[in-house]
PDB file of all heavy atoms in Angstrom:
ATOM      1  N   GLY A   1    -180.963 -31.718   2.786  1.00  0.00           N
ATOM      2  CA  GLY A   1    -181.922 -31.882   3.874  1.00  0.00           C
ATOM      3  C   GLY A   1    -182.431 -33.302   3.970  1.00  0.00           C
ATOM      4  O   GLY A   1    -182.591 -33.857   5.073  1.00  0.00           O
ATOM      5  N   GLU A   2    -182.702 -33.921   2.817  1.00  0.00           N
ATOM      6  CA  GLU A   2    -183.139 -35.312   2.816  1.00  0.00           C
ATOM      7  C   GLU A   2    -182.011 -36.235   3.266  1.00  0.00           C
ATOM      8  O   GLU A   2    -182.236 -37.220   3.977  1.00  0.00           O
ATOM      9  CB  GLU A   2    -183.629 -35.703   1.420  1.00  0.00           C
ATOM     10  CG  GLU A   2    -184.207 -37.094   1.338  1.00  0.00           C
ATOM     11  CD  GLU A   2    -184.951 -37.349   0.046  1.00  0.00           C
ATOM     12  OE1 GLU A   2    -185.687 -36.448  -0.423  1.00  0.00           O
ATOM     13  OE2 GLU A   2    -184.814 -38.456  -0.506  1.00  0.00           O
ATOM     14  N   GLY A   3    -180.789 -35.889   2.859  1.00  0.00           N
ATOM     15  CA  GLY A   3    -179.645 -36.716   3.212  1.00  0.00           C
ATOM     16  C   GLY A   3    -179.330 -36.717   4.698  1.00  0.00           C
ATOM     17  O   GLY A   3    -178.594 -37.592   5.173  1.00  0.00           O
ATOM     18  N   LEU A   4    -179.884 -35.740   5.449  1.00  0.00           N
ATOM     19  CA  LEU A   4    -179.647 -35.704   6.889  1.00  0.00           C
ATOM     20  C   LEU A   4    -180.306 -36.888   7.600  1.00  0.00           C
ATOM     21  O   LEU A   4    -179.967 -37.195   8.742  1.00  0.00           O
ATOM     22  CB  LEU A   4    -180.166 -34.391   7.482  1.00  0.00           C
ATOM     23  CG  LEU A   4    -179.457 -33.116   7.020  1.00  0.00           C
ATOM     24  CD1 LEU A   4    -180.139 -31.888   7.601  1.00  0.00           C
ATOM     25  CD2 LEU A   4    -177.984 -33.141   7.400  1.00  0.00           C
ATOM     26  N   PHE A   5    -181.254 -37.523   6.923  1.00  0.00           N
ATOM     27  CA  PHE A   5    -181.936 -38.681   7.489  1.00  0.00           C
ATOM     28  C   PHE A   5    -181.428 -39.936   6.769  1.00  0.00           C
ATOM     29  O   PHE A   5    -181.436 -39.998   5.539  1.00  0.00           O
ATOM     30  CB  PHE A   5    -183.448 -38.542   7.331  1.00  0.00           C
ATOM     31  CG  PHE A   5    -183.999 -37.305   8.003  1.00  0.00           C
ATOM     32  CD1 PHE A   5    -184.194 -36.136   7.289  1.00  0.00           C
ATOM     33  CD2 PHE A   5    -184.297 -37.313   9.355  1.00  0.00           C
ATOM     34  CE1 PHE A   5    -184.684 -34.991   7.897  1.00  0.00           C
ATOM     35  CE2 PHE A   5    -184.792 -36.176   9.985  1.00  0.00           C
ATOM     36  CZ  PHE A   5    -184.983 -35.014   9.248  1.00  0.00           C
ATOM     37  N   ARG A   6    -181.024 -40.918   7.524  1.00  0.00           N
ATOM     38  CA  ARG A   6    -180.395 -42.103   6.954  1.00  0.00           C
ATOM     39  C   ARG A   6    -181.394 -42.912   6.133  1.00  0.00           C
ATOM     40  O   ARG A   6    -182.451 -43.298   6.642  1.00  0.00           O
ATOM     41  CB  ARG A   6    -179.797 -42.982   8.058  1.00  0.00           C
ATOM     42  CG  ARG A   6    -179.030 -44.186   7.510  1.00  0.00           C
ATOM     43  CD  ARG A   6    -178.477 -45.064   8.615  1.00  0.00           C
ATOM     44  NE  ARG A   6    -177.725 -46.181   8.078  1.00  0.00           N
ATOM     45  CZ  ARG A   6    -176.442 -46.156   7.799  1.00  0.00           C
ATOM     46  NH1 ARG A   6    -175.744 -45.052   8.049  1.00  0.00           N
ATOM     47  NH2 ARG A   6    -175.827 -47.202   7.297  1.00  0.00           N
ATOM     48  N   TYR A   7    -181.046 -43.167   4.872  1.00  0.00           N
ATOM     49  CA  TYR A   7    -181.884 -43.991   4.002  1.00  0.00           C
ATOM     50  C   TYR A   7    -181.421 -45.445   4.054  1.00  0.00           C
ATOM     51  O   TYR A   7    -180.358 -45.769   4.611  1.00  0.00           O
ATOM     52  CB  TYR A   7    -181.847 -43.453   2.573  1.00  0.00           C
ATOM     53  CG  TYR A   7    -182.884 -44.088   1.668  1.00  0.00           C
ATOM     54  CD1 TYR A   7    -184.237 -44.090   2.025  1.00  0.00           C
ATOM     55  CD2 TYR A   7    -182.518 -44.714   0.473  1.00  0.00           C
ATOM     56  CE1 TYR A   7    -185.191 -44.688   1.207  1.00  0.00           C
ATOM     57  CE2 TYR A   7    -183.469 -45.304  -0.354  1.00  0.00           C
ATOM     58  CZ  TYR A   7    -184.799 -45.294   0.030  1.00  0.00           C
ATOM     59  OH  TYR A   7    -185.735 -45.890  -0.771  1.00  0.00           O
ATOM     60  N   LEU A   8    -182.219 -46.303   3.447  1.00  0.00           N
ATOM     61  CA  LEU A   8    -181.942 -47.732   3.436  1.00  0.00           C
ATOM     62  C   LEU A   8    -180.530 -48.022   2.921  1.00  0.00           C
ATOM     63  O   LEU A   8    -179.805 -48.841   3.497  1.00  0.00           O
ATOM     64  CB  LEU A   8    -182.987 -48.443   2.552  1.00  0.00           C
ATOM     65  CG  LEU A   8    -182.839 -49.945   2.352  1.00  0.00           C
ATOM     66  CD1 LEU A   8    -182.889 -50.682   3.689  1.00  0.00           C
ATOM     67  CD2 LEU A   8    -183.945 -50.459   1.426  1.00  0.00           C
ATOM     68  N   ARG A   9    -180.164 -47.345   1.852  1.00  0.00           N
ATOM     69  CA  ARG A   9    -178.829 -47.528   1.268  1.00  0.00           C
ATOM     70  C   ARG A   9    -178.196 -46.152   1.048  1.00  0.00           C
ATOM     71  O   ARG A   9    -178.400 -45.524   0.011  1.00  0.00           O
ATOM     72  CB  ARG A   9    -178.922 -48.285  -0.060  1.00  0.00           C
ATOM     73  CG  ARG A   9    -179.464 -49.696   0.072  1.00  0.00           C
ATOM     74  CD  ARG A   9    -179.575 -50.398  -1.279  1.00  0.00           C
ATOM     75  NE  ARG A   9    -180.210 -51.691  -1.140  1.00  0.00           N
ATOM     76  CZ  ARG A   9    -181.530 -51.874  -1.141  1.00  0.00           C
ATOM     77  NH1 ARG A   9    -182.338 -50.830  -1.278  1.00  0.00           N
ATOM     78  NH2 ARG A   9    -182.046 -53.093  -1.008  1.00  0.00           N
ATOM     79  N   PRO A  10    -177.433 -45.662   2.020  1.00  0.00           N
ATOM     80  CA  PRO A  10    -176.775 -44.357   1.841  1.00  0.00           C
ATOM     81  C   PRO A  10    -175.867 -44.379   0.615  1.00  0.00           C
ATOM     82  O   PRO A  10    -175.257 -45.399   0.290  1.00  0.00           O
ATOM     83  CB  PRO A  10    -175.957 -44.199   3.125  1.00  0.00           C
ATOM     84  CG  PRO A  10    -176.628 -45.087   4.124  1.00  0.00           C
ATOM     85  CD  PRO A  10    -177.143 -46.257   3.333  1.00  0.00           C
ATOM     86  N   ARG A  11    -175.790 -43.248  -0.046  1.00  0.00           N
ATOM     87  CA  ARG A  11    -174.988 -43.176  -1.259  1.00  0.00           C
ATOM     88  C   ARG A  11    -174.249 -41.839  -1.268  1.00  0.00           C
ATOM     89  O   ARG A  11    -174.697 -40.853  -0.680  1.00  0.00           O
ATOM     90  CB  ARG A  11    -175.893 -43.281  -2.490  1.00  0.00           C
ATOM     91  CG  ARG A  11    -176.946 -42.210  -2.540  1.00  0.00           C
ATOM     92  CD  ARG A  11    -178.068 -42.477  -3.521  1.00  0.00           C
ATOM     93  NE  ARG A  11    -178.991 -41.362  -3.533  1.00  0.00           N
ATOM     94  CZ  ARG A  11    -180.117 -41.343  -4.236  1.00  0.00           C
ATOM     95  NH1 ARG A  11    -180.453 -42.378  -4.977  1.00  0.00           N
ATOM     96  NH2 ARG A  11    -180.907 -40.280  -4.204  1.00  0.00           N
ATOM     97  N   GLY A  12    -173.119 -41.818  -1.961  1.00  0.00           N
ATOM     98  CA  GLY A  12    -172.362 -40.588  -2.133  1.00  0.00           C
ATOM     99  C   GLY A  12    -172.081 -39.880  -0.822  1.00  0.00           C
ATOM    100  O   GLY A  12    -171.597 -40.468   0.151  1.00  0.00           O
ATOM    101  N   PHE A  13    -172.419 -38.590  -0.781  1.00  0.00           N
ATOM    102  CA  PHE A  13    -172.140 -37.758   0.383  1.00  0.00           C
ATOM    103  C   PHE A  13    -172.922 -38.212   1.613  1.00  0.00           C
ATOM    104  O   PHE A  13    -172.537 -37.912   2.756  1.00  0.00           O
ATOM    105  CB  PHE A  13    -172.459 -36.298   0.057  1.00  0.00           C
ATOM    106  CG  PHE A  13    -171.995 -35.323   1.096  1.00  0.00           C
ATOM    107  CD1 PHE A  13    -170.647 -35.188   1.401  1.00  0.00           C
ATOM    108  CD2 PHE A  13    -172.906 -34.532   1.783  1.00  0.00           C
ATOM    109  CE1 PHE A  13    -170.216 -34.280   2.365  1.00  0.00           C
ATOM    110  CE2 PHE A  13    -172.493 -33.626   2.746  1.00  0.00           C
ATOM    111  CZ  PHE A  13    -171.137 -33.501   3.031  1.00  0.00           C
ATOM    112  N   GLU A  14    -174.031 -38.939   1.400  1.00  0.00           N
ATOM    113  CA  GLU A  14    -174.807 -39.454   2.534  1.00  0.00           C
ATOM    114  C   GLU A  14    -173.954 -40.386   3.395  1.00  0.00           C
ATOM    115  O   GLU A  14    -174.134 -40.449   4.618  1.00  0.00           O
ATOM    116  CB  GLU A  14    -176.047 -40.199   2.033  1.00  0.00           C
ATOM    117  CG  GLU A  14    -177.057 -39.310   1.354  1.00  0.00           C
ATOM    118  CD  GLU A  14    -178.168 -40.104   0.687  1.00  0.00           C
ATOM    119  OE1 GLU A  14    -178.073 -41.352   0.644  1.00  0.00           O
ATOM    120  OE2 GLU A  14    -179.123 -39.485   0.216  1.00  0.00           O
ATOM    121  N   LYS A  15    -173.038 -41.109   2.773  1.00  0.00           N
ATOM    122  CA  LYS A  15    -172.173 -42.007   3.538  1.00  0.00           C
ATOM    123  C   LYS A  15    -171.308 -41.227   4.506  1.00  0.00           C
ATOM    124  O   LYS A  15    -171.046 -41.684   5.631  1.00  0.00           O
ATOM    125  CB  LYS A  15    -171.312 -42.837   2.583  1.00  0.00           C
ATOM    126  CG  LYS A  15    -172.105 -43.812   1.720  1.00  0.00           C
ATOM    127  CD  LYS A  15    -171.187 -44.590   0.788  1.00  0.00           C
ATOM    128  CE  LYS A  15    -171.986 -45.562  -0.076  1.00  0.00           C
ATOM    129  NZ  LYS A  15    -171.108 -46.316  -1.017  1.00  0.00           N
ATOM    130  N   PHE A  16    -170.867 -40.039   4.095  1.00  0.00           N
ATOM    131  CA  PHE A  16    -170.099 -39.190   5.005  1.00  0.00           C
ATOM    132  C   PHE A  16    -170.987 -38.679   6.131  1.00  0.00           C
ATOM    133  O   PHE A  16    -170.601 -38.708   7.310  1.00  0.00           O
ATOM    134  CB  PHE A  16    -169.489 -38.011   4.248  1.00  0.00           C
ATOM    135  CG  PHE A  16    -168.934 -36.947   5.159  1.00  0.00           C
ATOM    136  CD1 PHE A  16    -167.694 -37.114   5.772  1.00  0.00           C
ATOM    137  CD2 PHE A  16    -169.664 -35.783   5.410  1.00  0.00           C
ATOM    138  CE1 PHE A  16    -167.192 -36.139   6.623  1.00  0.00           C
ATOM    139  CE2 PHE A  16    -169.162 -34.812   6.260  1.00  0.00           C
ATOM    140  CZ  PHE A  16    -167.923 -34.992   6.872  1.00  0.00           C
ATOM    141  N   LEU A  17    -172.201 -38.199   5.770  1.00  0.00           N
ATOM    142  CA  LEU A  17    -173.093 -37.632   6.782  1.00  0.00           C
ATOM    143  C   LEU A  17    -173.450 -38.638   7.857  1.00  0.00           C
ATOM    144  O   LEU A  17    -173.651 -38.270   9.018  1.00  0.00           O
ATOM    145  CB  LEU A  17    -174.370 -37.111   6.113  1.00  0.00           C
ATOM    146  CG  LEU A  17    -174.228 -35.845   5.255  1.00  0.00           C
ATOM    147  CD1 LEU A  17    -175.528 -35.556   4.533  1.00  0.00           C
ATOM    148  CD2 LEU A  17    -173.819 -34.650   6.120  1.00  0.00           C
ATOM    149  N   HIS A  18    -173.546 -39.904   7.483  1.00  0.00           N
ATOM    150  CA  HIS A  18    -173.940 -40.932   8.445  1.00  0.00           C
ATOM    151  C   HIS A  18    -172.750 -41.780   8.884  1.00  0.00           C
ATOM    152  O   HIS A  18    -172.915 -42.849   9.462  1.00  0.00           O
ATOM    153  CB  HIS A  18    -175.055 -41.795   7.851  1.00  0.00           C
ATOM    154  CG  HIS A  18    -176.308 -41.020   7.587  1.00  0.00           C
ATOM    155  ND1 HIS A  18    -177.248 -40.774   8.556  1.00  0.00           N
ATOM    156  CD2 HIS A  18    -176.742 -40.379   6.462  1.00  0.00           C
ATOM    157  CE1 HIS A  18    -178.219 -40.040   8.047  1.00  0.00           C
ATOM    158  NE2 HIS A  18    -177.936 -39.785   6.778  1.00  0.00           N
ATOM    159  N   GLY A  19    -171.563 -41.264   8.597  1.00  0.00           N
ATOM    160  CA  GLY A  19    -170.328 -41.899   9.045  1.00  0.00           C
ATOM    161  C   GLY A  19    -169.489 -40.880   9.789  1.00  0.00           C
ATOM    162  O   GLY A  19    -169.869 -40.436  10.886  1.00  0.00           O
ATOM    163  N   PRO A  20    -168.378 -40.442   9.211  1.00  0.00           N
ATOM    164  CA  PRO A  20    -167.509 -39.474   9.890  1.00  0.00           C
ATOM    165  C   PRO A  20    -168.206 -38.155  10.230  1.00  0.00           C
ATOM    166  O   PRO A  20    -167.855 -37.504  11.217  1.00  0.00           O
ATOM    167  CB  PRO A  20    -166.376 -39.254   8.879  1.00  0.00           C
ATOM    168  CG  PRO A  20    -166.380 -40.465   8.017  1.00  0.00           C
ATOM    169  CD  PRO A  20    -167.806 -40.906   7.928  1.00  0.00           C
ATOM    170  N   GLY A  21    -169.186 -37.762   9.413  1.00  0.00           N
ATOM    171  CA  GLY A  21    -169.863 -36.483   9.640  1.00  0.00           C
ATOM    172  C   GLY A  21    -171.126 -36.578  10.469  1.00  0.00           C
ATOM    173  O   GLY A  21    -171.929 -35.628  10.480  1.00  0.00           O
ATOM    174  N   ASN A  22    -171.316 -37.697  11.179  1.00  0.00           N
ATOM    175  CA  ASN A  22    -172.568 -37.907  11.898  1.00  0.00           C
ATOM    176  C   ASN A  22    -172.821 -36.835  12.955  1.00  0.00           C
ATOM    177  O   ASN A  22    -173.958 -36.379  13.139  1.00  0.00           O
ATOM    178  CB  ASN A  22    -172.588 -39.289  12.544  1.00  0.00           C
ATOM    179  CG  ASN A  22    -173.952 -39.626  13.117  1.00  0.00           C
ATOM    180  OD1 ASN A  22    -174.962 -39.524  12.423  1.00  0.00           O
ATOM    181  ND2 ASN A  22    -173.988 -40.016  14.374  1.00  0.00           N
ATOM    182  N   GLY A  23    -171.773 -36.419  13.669  1.00  0.00           N
ATOM    183  CA  GLY A  23    -171.946 -35.394  14.689  1.00  0.00           C
ATOM    184  C   GLY A  23    -172.411 -34.075  14.086  1.00  0.00           C
ATOM    185  O   GLY A  23    -173.324 -33.419  14.612  1.00  0.00           O
ATOM    186  N   LEU A  24    -171.804 -33.691  12.979  1.00  0.00           N
ATOM    187  CA  LEU A  24    -172.205 -32.477  12.281  1.00  0.00           C
ATOM    188  C   LEU A  24    -173.645 -32.586  11.806  1.00  0.00           C
ATOM    189  O   LEU A  24    -174.431 -31.634  11.938  1.00  0.00           O
ATOM    190  CB  LEU A  24    -171.268 -32.235  11.097  1.00  0.00           C
ATOM    191  CG  LEU A  24    -171.653 -31.107  10.136  1.00  0.00           C
ATOM    192  CD1 LEU A  24    -171.624 -29.764  10.849  1.00  0.00           C
ATOM    193  CD2 LEU A  24    -170.717 -31.103   8.927  1.00  0.00           C
ATOM    194  N   ARG A  25    -173.997 -33.741  11.244  1.00  0.00           N
ATOM    195  CA  ARG A  25    -175.362 -33.962  10.750  1.00  0.00           C
ATOM    196  C   ARG A  25    -176.379 -33.776  11.868  1.00  0.00           C
ATOM    197  O   ARG A  25    -177.397 -33.087  11.694  1.00  0.00           O
ATOM    198  CB  ARG A  25    -175.458 -35.386  10.174  1.00  0.00           C
ATOM    199  CG  ARG A  25    -176.839 -35.773   9.660  1.00  0.00           C
ATOM    200  CD  ARG A  25    -176.933 -37.273   9.440  1.00  0.00           C
ATOM    201  NE  ARG A  25    -176.823 -38.001  10.694  1.00  0.00           N
ATOM    202  CZ  ARG A  25    -177.842 -38.203  11.536  1.00  0.00           C
ATOM    203  NH1 ARG A  25    -179.026 -37.698  11.261  1.00  0.00           N
ATOM    204  NH2 ARG A  25    -177.666 -38.881  12.656  1.00  0.00           N
ATOM    205  N   ARG A  26    -176.120 -34.374  13.021  1.00  0.00           N
ATOM    206  CA  ARG A  26    -177.074 -34.282  14.126  1.00  0.00           C
ATOM    207  C   ARG A  26    -177.191 -32.854  14.628  1.00  0.00           C
ATOM    208  O   ARG A  26    -178.298 -32.381  14.954  1.00  0.00           O
ATOM    209  CB  ARG A  26    -176.647 -35.215  15.264  1.00  0.00           C
ATOM    210  CG  ARG A  26    -176.701 -36.683  14.862  1.00  0.00           C
ATOM    211  CD  ARG A  26    -176.275 -37.597  15.985  1.00  0.00           C
ATOM    212  NE  ARG A  26    -177.227 -37.556  17.087  1.00  0.00           N
ATOM    213  CZ  ARG A  26    -177.151 -38.346  18.164  1.00  0.00           C
ATOM    214  NH1 ARG A  26    -176.143 -39.210  18.276  1.00  0.00           N
ATOM    215  NH2 ARG A  26    -178.047 -38.257  19.120  1.00  0.00           N
ATOM    216  N   ARG A  27    -176.081 -32.135  14.675  1.00  0.00           N
ATOM    217  CA  ARG A  27    -176.147 -30.738  15.120  1.00  0.00           C
ATOM    218  C   ARG A  27    -176.947 -29.891  14.134  1.00  0.00           C
ATOM    219  O   ARG A  27    -177.684 -28.989  14.545  1.00  0.00           O
ATOM    220  CB  ARG A  27    -174.732 -30.168  15.285  1.00  0.00           C
ATOM    221  CG  ARG A  27    -173.995 -30.703  16.502  1.00  0.00           C
ATOM    222  CD  ARG A  27    -172.740 -29.898  16.804  1.00  0.00           C
ATOM    223  NE  ARG A  27    -171.738 -30.009  15.746  1.00  0.00           N
ATOM    224  CZ  ARG A  27    -170.830 -30.983  15.684  1.00  0.00           C
ATOM    225  NH1 ARG A  27    -170.810 -31.938  16.609  1.00  0.00           N
ATOM    226  NH2 ARG A  27    -169.937 -31.009  14.700  1.00  0.00           N
ATOM    227  N   MET A  28    -176.823 -30.183  12.839  1.00  0.00           N
ATOM    228  CA  MET A  28    -177.570 -29.427  11.833  1.00  0.00           C
ATOM    229  C   MET A  28    -179.073 -29.603  12.034  1.00  0.00           C
ATOM    230  O   MET A  28    -179.844 -28.635  11.991  1.00  0.00           O
ATOM    231  CB  MET A  28    -177.167 -29.880  10.429  1.00  0.00           C
ATOM    232  CG  MET A  28    -175.763 -29.455  10.021  1.00  0.00           C
ATOM    233  SD  MET A  28    -175.257 -30.176   8.435  1.00  0.00           S
ATOM    234  CE  MET A  28    -176.407 -29.376   7.315  1.00  0.00           C
ATOM    235  N   ILE A  29    -179.495 -30.843  12.250  1.00  0.00           N
ATOM    236  CA  ILE A  29    -180.927 -31.098  12.434  1.00  0.00           C
ATOM    237  C   ILE A  29    -181.432 -30.481  13.724  1.00  0.00           C
ATOM    238  O   ILE A  29    -182.431 -29.748  13.752  1.00  0.00           O
ATOM    239  CB  ILE A  29    -181.218 -32.613  12.434  1.00  0.00           C
ATOM    240  CG1 ILE A  29    -180.866 -33.242  11.091  1.00  0.00           C
ATOM    241  CG2 ILE A  29    -182.689 -32.865  12.758  1.00  0.00           C
ATOM    242  CD1 ILE A  29    -181.046 -34.740  11.054  1.00  0.00           C
ATOM    243  N   ASN A  30    -180.735 -30.770  14.824  1.00  0.00           N
ATOM    244  CA  ASN A  30    -181.243 -30.348  16.124  1.00  0.00           C
ATOM    245  C   ASN A  30    -181.142 -28.853  16.340  1.00  0.00           C
ATOM    246  O   ASN A  30    -181.858 -28.297  17.179  1.00  0.00           O
ATOM    247  CB  ASN A  30    -180.524 -31.122  17.231  1.00  0.00           C
ATOM    248  CG  ASN A  30    -180.879 -32.598  17.216  1.00  0.00           C
ATOM    249  OD1 ASN A  30    -182.041 -32.954  17.030  1.00  0.00           O
ATOM    250  ND2 ASN A  30    -179.893 -33.463  17.381  1.00  0.00           N
ATOM    251  N   SER A  31    -180.277 -28.180  15.560  1.00  0.00           N
ATOM    252  CA  SER A  31    -180.231 -26.723  15.663  1.00  0.00           C
ATOM    253  C   SER A  31    -181.540 -26.104  15.197  1.00  0.00           C
ATOM    254  O   SER A  31    -181.954 -25.047  15.697  1.00  0.00           O
ATOM    255  CB  SER A  31    -179.062 -26.167  14.839  1.00  0.00           C
ATOM    256  OG  SER A  31    -179.263 -26.408  13.443  1.00  0.00           O
ATOM    257  N   ILE A  32    -182.232 -26.761  14.250  1.00  0.00           N
ATOM    258  CA  ILE A  32    -183.541 -26.266  13.810  1.00  0.00           C
ATOM    259  C   ILE A  32    -184.523 -26.328  14.968  1.00  0.00           C
ATOM    260  O   ILE A  32    -185.332 -25.417  15.185  1.00  0.00           O
ATOM    261  CB  ILE A  32    -184.062 -27.082  12.608  1.00  0.00           C
ATOM    262  CG1 ILE A  32    -183.085 -27.004  11.439  1.00  0.00           C
ATOM    263  CG2 ILE A  32    -185.442 -26.575  12.177  1.00  0.00           C
ATOM    264  CD1 ILE A  32    -183.453 -27.908  10.275  1.00  0.00           C
ATOM    265  N   GLY A  33    -184.441 -27.411  15.760  1.00  0.00           N
ATOM    266  CA  GLY A  33    -185.312 -27.523  16.928  1.00  0.00           C
ATOM    267  C   GLY A  33    -185.030 -26.440  17.949  1.00  0.00           C
ATOM    268  O   GLY A  33    -185.956 -25.839  18.516  1.00  0.00           O
ATOM    269  N   SER A  34    -183.765 -26.141  18.165  1.00  0.00           N
ATOM    270  CA  SER A  34    -183.398 -25.091  19.118  1.00  0.00           C
ATOM    271  C   SER A  34    -183.928 -23.738  18.668  1.00  0.00           C
ATOM    272  O   SER A  34    -184.444 -22.948  19.474  1.00  0.00           O
ATOM    273  CB  SER A  34    -181.875 -25.042  19.278  1.00  0.00           C
ATOM    274  OG  SER A  34    -181.372 -26.279  19.746  1.00  0.00           O
ATOM    275  N   VAL A  35    -183.805 -23.474  17.376  1.00  0.00           N
ATOM    276  CA  VAL A  35    -184.327 -22.214  16.836  1.00  0.00           C
ATOM    277  C   VAL A  35    -185.839 -22.157  17.006  1.00  0.00           C
ATOM    278  O   VAL A  35    -186.397 -21.107  17.376  1.00  0.00           O
ATOM    279  CB  VAL A  35    -183.933 -22.048  15.357  1.00  0.00           C
ATOM    280  CG1 VAL A  35    -184.666 -20.854  14.732  1.00  0.00           C
ATOM    281  CG2 VAL A  35    -182.433 -21.869  15.215  1.00  0.00           C
ATOM    282  N   SER A  36    -186.530 -23.278  16.761  1.00  0.00           N
ATOM    283  CA  SER A  36    -187.989 -23.310  16.897  1.00  0.00           C
ATOM    284  C   SER A  36    -188.414 -22.997  18.326  1.00  0.00           C
ATOM    285  O   SER A  36    -189.374 -22.256  18.556  1.00  0.00           O
ATOM    286  CB  SER A  36    -188.530 -24.678  16.471  1.00  0.00           C
ATOM    287  OG  SER A  36    -188.258 -24.939  15.110  1.00  0.00           O
ATOM    288  N   VAL A  37    -187.713 -23.581  19.301  1.00  0.00           N
ATOM    289  CA  VAL A  37    -188.045 -23.338  20.706  1.00  0.00           C
ATOM    290  C   VAL A  37    -187.929 -21.848  21.024  1.00  0.00           C
ATOM    291  O   VAL A  37    -188.808 -21.256  21.666  1.00  0.00           O
ATOM    292  CB  VAL A  37    -187.134 -24.175  21.631  1.00  0.00           C
ATOM    293  CG1 VAL A  37    -187.314 -23.746  23.088  1.00  0.00           C
ATOM    294  CG2 VAL A  37    -187.444 -25.655  21.479  1.00  0.00           C
ATOM    295  N   ARG A  38    -186.849 -21.221  20.565  1.00  0.00           N
ATOM    296  CA  ARG A  38    -186.657 -19.792  20.838  1.00  0.00           C
ATOM    297  C   ARG A  38    -187.631 -18.934  20.035  1.00  0.00           C
ATOM    298  O   ARG A  38    -188.232 -17.989  20.562  1.00  0.00           O
ATOM    299  CB  ARG A  38    -185.226 -19.387  20.501  1.00  0.00           C
ATOM    300  CG  ARG A  38    -184.172 -19.998  21.425  1.00  0.00           C
ATOM    301  CD  ARG A  38    -182.839 -19.275  21.251  1.00  0.00           C
ATOM    302  NE  ARG A  38    -182.369 -19.340  19.874  1.00  0.00           N
ATOM    303  CZ  ARG A  38    -181.592 -20.324  19.389  1.00  0.00           C
ATOM    304  NH1 ARG A  38    -181.222 -21.321  20.176  1.00  0.00           N
ATOM    305  NH2 ARG A  38    -181.188 -20.303  18.129  1.00  0.00           N
ATOM    306  N   GLN A  39    -187.783 -19.265  18.759  1.00  0.00           N
ATOM    307  CA  GLN A  39    -188.593 -18.422  17.879  1.00  0.00           C
ATOM    308  C   GLN A  39    -190.055 -18.392  18.292  1.00  0.00           C
ATOM    309  O   GLN A  39    -190.708 -17.344  18.248  1.00  0.00           O
ATOM    310  CB  GLN A  39    -188.460 -18.929  16.438  1.00  0.00           C
ATOM    311  CG  GLN A  39    -189.131 -18.055  15.387  1.00  0.00           C
ATOM    312  CD  GLN A  39    -188.746 -18.489  13.974  1.00  0.00           C
ATOM    313  OE1 GLN A  39    -187.662 -19.028  13.756  1.00  0.00           O
ATOM    314  NE2 GLN A  39    -189.618 -18.245  13.020  1.00  0.00           N
ATOM    315  N   PHE A  40    -190.587 -19.538  18.720  1.00  0.00           N
ATOM    316  CA  PHE A  40    -191.997 -19.612  19.098  1.00  0.00           C
ATOM    317  C   PHE A  40    -192.222 -19.459  20.599  1.00  0.00           C
ATOM    318  O   PHE A  40    -193.370 -19.452  21.046  1.00  0.00           O
ATOM    319  CB  PHE A  40    -192.591 -20.948  18.643  1.00  0.00           C
ATOM    320  CG  PHE A  40    -192.634 -21.126  17.147  1.00  0.00           C
ATOM    321  CD1 PHE A  40    -192.197 -22.301  16.563  1.00  0.00           C
ATOM    322  CD2 PHE A  40    -193.112 -20.117  16.326  1.00  0.00           C
ATOM    323  CE1 PHE A  40    -192.238 -22.480  15.191  1.00  0.00           C
ATOM    324  CE2 PHE A  40    -193.155 -20.283  14.942  1.00  0.00           C
ATOM    325  CZ  PHE A  40    -192.716 -21.461  14.375  1.00  0.00           C
ATOM    326  N   GLY A  41    -191.156 -19.353  21.366  1.00  0.00           N
ATOM    327  CA  GLY A  41    -191.314 -19.244  22.815  1.00  0.00           C
ATOM    328  C   GLY A  41    -191.930 -20.489  23.422  1.00  0.00           C
ATOM    329  O   GLY A  41    -192.773 -20.405  24.330  1.00  0.00           O
ATOM    330  N   LEU A  42    -191.525 -21.656  22.927  1.00  0.00           N
ATOM    331  CA  LEU A  42    -192.182 -22.902  23.335  1.00  0.00           C
ATOM    332  C   LEU A  42    -191.984 -23.222  24.810  1.00  0.00           C
ATOM    333  O   LEU A  42    -192.876 -23.801  25.441  1.00  0.00           O
ATOM    334  CB  LEU A  42    -191.669 -24.064  22.471  1.00  0.00           C
ATOM    335  CG  LEU A  42    -191.938 -23.971  20.967  1.00  0.00           C
ATOM    336  CD1 LEU A  42    -191.453 -25.244  20.270  1.00  0.00           C
ATOM    337  CD2 LEU A  42    -193.416 -23.741  20.685  1.00  0.00           C
ATOM    338  N   ALA A  43    -190.840 -22.881  25.365  1.00  0.00           N
ATOM    339  CA  ALA A  43    -190.612 -23.174  26.784  1.00  0.00           C
ATOM    340  C   ALA A  43    -191.592 -22.391  27.646  1.00  0.00           C
ATOM    341  O   ALA A  43    -192.202 -22.942  28.585  1.00  0.00           O
ATOM    342  CB  ALA A  43    -189.174 -22.848  27.153  1.00  0.00           C
TER     343      ALA A  43
END
């Protein structure tokens, strides 16, 4: 969860998350927002 946010010096698997896996990383984070909108009826 912490690795989903880019740190000053990415290391290990973080380099993948903020490189080739960036699209997957963003979908993982923003899916929580989508669930929150539905779960709380925010719209």
